[in-house]
Protein backbone atom coordinates (compact mmCIF):
# COMPACT_ATOMS: atom_id res chain seq x y z
CA MET A 1 48.04 27.62 15.62
CA LYS A 2 44.18 26.13 14.23
CA THR A 3 45.81 24.60 11.17
CA THR A 4 48.59 23.13 13.28
CA ALA A 5 46.08 21.80 15.50
CA ILE A 6 43.94 19.93 13.54
CA MET A 7 46.83 18.66 11.78
CA ILE A 8 48.28 17.60 14.78
CA GLU A 9 44.66 16.00 15.98
CA PHE A 10 44.45 13.92 13.03
CA LEU A 11 48.14 12.54 13.35
CA ILE A 12 46.91 11.34 16.92
CA VAL A 13 43.91 10.05 15.48
CA GLY A 14 45.90 8.28 12.37
CA VAL A 15 48.34 6.65 15.53
CA LEU A 16 45.79 4.99 17.11
CA VAL A 17 43.81 3.40 14.22
CA LEU A 18 47.34 2.23 13.00
CA LEU A 19 48.44 0.59 16.56
CA ALA A 20 44.99 -0.83 16.63
CA LEU A 21 45.21 -1.91 13.11
CA PHE A 22 48.52 -3.77 13.60
CA PHE A 23 46.92 -5.41 16.72
CA LEU A 24 43.93 -6.46 14.44
CA PHE A 25 46.99 -7.85 11.35
CA VAL A 26 48.94 -9.54 14.51
CA SER A 27 45.77 -11.52 15.49
CA LEU A 28 44.84 -12.41 11.91
CA PHE A 29 48.63 -13.51 10.59
CA PRO A 30 50.49 -14.32 13.61
CA ILE A 31 53.06 -16.40 12.25
CA GLU A 32 53.69 -14.01 9.36
CA THR A 33 54.00 -11.22 11.66
CA GLN A 34 56.80 -12.79 13.57
CA LEU A 35 58.96 -14.02 10.86
CA PHE A 36 58.84 -10.16 9.65
CA PHE A 37 60.19 -9.11 13.42
CA VAL A 38 62.84 -11.58 12.91
CA LYS A 39 64.29 -10.74 9.71
CA ILE A 40 64.31 -7.15 10.95
CA ASN A 41 66.32 -8.12 13.98
CA GLU A 42 68.60 -10.08 11.18
CA SER A 43 69.01 -7.16 9.11
CA GLN A 44 71.48 -4.21 11.08
CA PRO A 45 71.29 -1.87 8.22
CA TRP A 46 67.37 -0.79 8.95
CA LEU A 47 68.58 1.39 11.92
CA ALA A 48 70.53 3.76 9.39
CA LYS A 49 66.40 3.78 7.26
CA ALA A 50 64.54 4.44 10.41
CA PRO A 51 64.29 8.00 9.53
CA PHE A 52 62.67 7.17 6.71
CA PHE A 53 60.46 4.76 8.08
CA LEU A 54 59.58 6.82 10.30
CA ILE A 55 58.69 9.80 7.93
CA ILE A 56 56.36 6.53 6.34
CA PHE A 57 55.13 5.93 9.57
CA VAL A 58 53.80 9.73 9.86
CA SER A 59 52.42 10.05 6.57
CA PHE A 60 50.22 6.61 6.86
CA ALA A 61 49.39 7.85 10.54
CA TYR A 62 48.07 11.55 8.80
CA GLY A 63 46.97 9.70 5.79
CA PHE A 64 44.46 7.19 8.03
CA GLY A 65 43.68 10.33 10.57
CA VAL A 66 42.17 11.65 7.36
CA LEU A 67 40.59 9.01 6.29
CA PHE A 68 38.91 7.89 9.10
CA ASP A 69 37.73 11.66 10.59
CA TYR A 70 36.27 11.01 7.46
CA ILE A 71 34.40 8.06 7.94
CA GLY A 72 33.11 9.02 11.31
CA PHE A 73 32.09 12.51 10.18
CA ILE A 74 29.49 10.85 8.06
CA ALA A 75 28.47 7.60 10.74
CA PHE A 76 27.96 10.27 13.36
CA GLU A 77 26.18 12.77 10.70
CA TRP A 78 24.35 9.84 10.14
CA LEU A 79 23.23 9.08 13.75
CA ASN A 80 22.43 12.97 14.22
CA ASN A 81 19.91 12.80 11.63
CA MET A 82 18.09 10.17 12.95
CA VAL A 83 18.39 11.81 16.82
CA LYS A 84 17.18 15.11 14.59
CA LYS A 85 14.17 13.30 12.75
CA LYS A 86 12.71 12.05 16.67
CA ARG A 87 13.56 14.99 18.24
CA ILE A 88 11.25 17.49 15.26
CA LYS A 89 8.86 14.99 15.99
CA LYS A 90 8.39 15.32 19.58
CA TYR A 91 9.16 19.31 19.32
CA TYR A 92 5.99 19.51 17.38
CA LYS A 93 3.96 17.56 19.17
CA LEU A 94 4.47 19.32 22.67
CA ASN A 95 4.60 22.71 21.04
CA GLU A 96 1.83 23.14 18.42
CA SER A 97 -0.33 25.32 20.60
CA ILE A 98 2.57 27.21 21.79
CA LEU A 99 4.85 28.39 19.35
CA LYS A 100 1.35 29.14 16.23
CA ASP A 101 3.19 31.71 14.83
CA SER A 102 6.06 29.52 14.57
CA PRO A 103 6.84 29.76 10.22
CA ILE A 104 8.91 26.51 10.73
CA LEU A 105 6.40 24.58 12.66
CA LYS A 106 3.66 26.19 10.50
CA ASP A 107 5.67 24.39 7.05
CA TYR A 108 6.09 21.37 9.18
CA LYS A 109 2.43 20.93 9.44
CA GLY A 110 1.59 21.51 6.25
CA ASN A 111 3.91 19.25 4.39
CA ASN A 112 3.87 16.53 7.44
CA LYS A 113 2.36 13.65 5.45
CA SER A 114 4.84 14.15 2.82
CA LYS A 115 7.67 14.17 4.27
CA ASN A 116 11.08 12.10 4.36
CA HIS A 117 13.47 11.52 6.12
CA GLU A 118 15.93 14.17 4.60
CA GLU A 119 13.54 17.27 4.64
CA GLU A 120 12.44 16.21 8.81
CA SER A 121 16.04 17.00 9.65
CA SER A 122 16.51 20.08 7.49
CA TYR A 123 13.59 21.32 9.80
CA HIS A 124 16.24 21.46 12.50
CA GLY A 125 18.19 22.78 9.94
CA GLU A 126 16.11 25.70 10.04
CA MET A 127 15.92 26.01 13.42
CA ARG A 128 19.76 25.95 13.70
CA PHE A 129 20.19 28.99 11.60
CA PHE A 130 17.39 30.99 12.81
CA VAL A 131 18.91 30.68 16.16
CA LEU A 132 22.32 31.76 14.63
CA MET A 133 20.46 34.89 13.65
CA GLU A 134 18.96 36.07 16.39
CA SER A 135 21.64 35.06 18.94
CA PRO A 136 24.98 34.22 17.88
CA GLU A 137 25.87 33.70 21.30
CA LEU A 138 23.59 31.21 22.23
CA TYR A 139 24.10 29.19 19.03
CA SER A 140 27.95 28.90 19.23
CA GLU A 141 27.56 27.83 22.71
CA ILE A 142 25.19 25.06 21.18
CA GLU A 143 27.47 24.17 18.73
CA LEU A 144 30.19 23.45 20.75
CA GLN A 145 28.40 20.29 22.21
CA LEU A 146 29.26 18.50 18.75
CA LYS A 147 32.84 19.49 19.08
CA ARG A 148 33.01 17.58 22.10
CA LEU A 149 32.51 14.00 20.31
CA LYS A 150 35.76 14.22 18.02
CA ILE A 151 37.65 12.28 20.21
CA ILE A 152 34.62 10.02 21.39
CA ARG A 153 34.22 9.28 17.56
CA VAL A 154 37.54 8.40 17.13
CA LEU A 155 37.65 6.18 20.45
CA PHE A 156 34.83 4.41 19.07
CA PHE A 157 36.45 3.26 15.46
CA VAL A 158 39.76 2.21 17.71
CA GLU A 159 37.71 0.11 20.22
CA LEU A 160 35.64 -1.87 16.59
CA ILE A 161 38.82 -2.87 15.89
CA LEU A 162 40.74 -3.97 18.99
CA LEU A 163 37.20 -5.53 19.20
CA SER A 164 37.62 -7.99 16.82
CA SER A 165 41.27 -8.44 17.01
CA ILE A 166 40.22 -9.61 20.67
CA ILE A 167 37.15 -12.12 18.47
CA VAL A 168 40.04 -13.30 16.12
CA GLN A 169 42.25 -13.83 18.79
CA LEU A 170 39.78 -16.25 21.02
CA ARG A 171 38.60 -18.19 18.37
CA GLN A 172 42.28 -19.44 17.61
CA LYS A 173 43.29 -19.88 21.47
CA PHE A 174 40.78 -19.39 24.05
CA CYS A 175 42.02 -17.02 26.90
CA ALA A 176 40.26 -16.00 29.84
CA ALA A 177 42.68 -12.14 30.15
CA LEU A 178 41.51 -12.34 27.01
CA LEU A 179 37.34 -12.96 27.68
CA LEU A 180 37.68 -10.29 30.42
CA LEU A 181 39.52 -7.71 27.98
CA LEU A 182 36.67 -8.05 25.09
CA LEU A 183 34.02 -7.70 27.56
CA LEU A 184 35.51 -4.74 29.25
CA ILE A 185 35.99 -2.89 25.79
CA SER A 186 32.48 -4.04 24.51
CA VAL A 187 31.34 -2.37 27.57
CA ILE A 188 33.67 1.45 27.25
CA THR A 189 32.13 0.59 22.98
CA ILE A 190 28.25 0.30 23.99
CA ALA A 191 29.08 3.26 26.77
CA ASN A 192 30.17 5.66 24.69
CA VAL A 193 27.85 5.32 21.25
CA ILE A 194 25.03 6.13 24.93
CA ALA A 195 27.27 9.06 25.54
CA ILE A 196 27.71 10.44 21.76
CA TYR A 197 23.98 9.69 21.51
CA GLN A 198 22.68 11.27 24.47
CA ARG A 199 25.04 14.22 23.37
CA PHE A 200 23.22 14.44 19.88
CA ASP A 201 19.68 14.79 21.73
CA ARG A 202 21.02 17.10 24.23
CA TYR A 203 22.38 19.12 20.75
CA CYS A 204 18.86 19.14 19.92
CA ARG A 205 16.76 20.41 22.75
CA SER A 206 19.54 22.99 23.33
CA ILE A 207 18.43 24.57 19.68
CA GLU A 208 14.89 23.67 20.42
CA ARG A 209 14.49 25.33 23.37
CA SER A 210 16.64 28.80 22.50
CA TYR A 211 14.04 28.36 18.94
CA LYS A 212 10.95 28.36 21.22
CA MET A 213 12.26 31.21 23.64
CA LEU A 214 13.15 33.34 20.60
CA ILE A 215 9.61 32.85 18.84
CA LEU A 216 7.98 33.64 22.17
CA LYS A 217 10.00 36.88 22.68
CA GLN A 218 8.85 37.90 18.88
CA GLN A 219 4.94 37.35 19.72
CA SER A 220 5.43 39.19 23.57
CA LEU A 221 7.31 42.02 20.92
CA LEU A 222 4.61 41.41 18.88
CA LYS A 223 1.31 42.37 21.40
CA THR A 224 3.14 45.22 23.02
């Protein structure tokens, strides 16, 4: 069932992307598109080949779904790492005196001058692994936050393609309705980016709070 759900998800993603790309193609080549549909209307036998065209469309949709999901994963992983980098610096400054016995923060302090972007992000990964080992239930709850980003990730790419299409059409001919649509989609796209950033930030804070709680619990056990 899980594999089927993932395949359906890829297919839906691909359909949305293909529709957005078709809209972009129509915007770039309006005359060619019109001639293409005229030829289709004049050719009756194409109806007999409709199942074949449907299979081709589904195959392309699934392929585009997998491709754009991967591109989205790379792009949003980069954004996630940027948030982690910012959060780990802030977390270290706020908790240096409290979490004195934290092995990760001790290592962070020792390497703070020579760390690059990947190394800083890895400290947050170590925290996440520590939380997983100490409390699998809490870790699962944290991980659910990232899974909710998938639909926003898809909509983000569709919105970018639609924005490109509308801009092309506005350059060809000004239309007040298109301009209003451009402003609306731009606001939605910006809102999506902000929502994604905030979700990553909450995800990082959840892990940091959990890590802090587990370290303090270990410290109290050692004292007793």
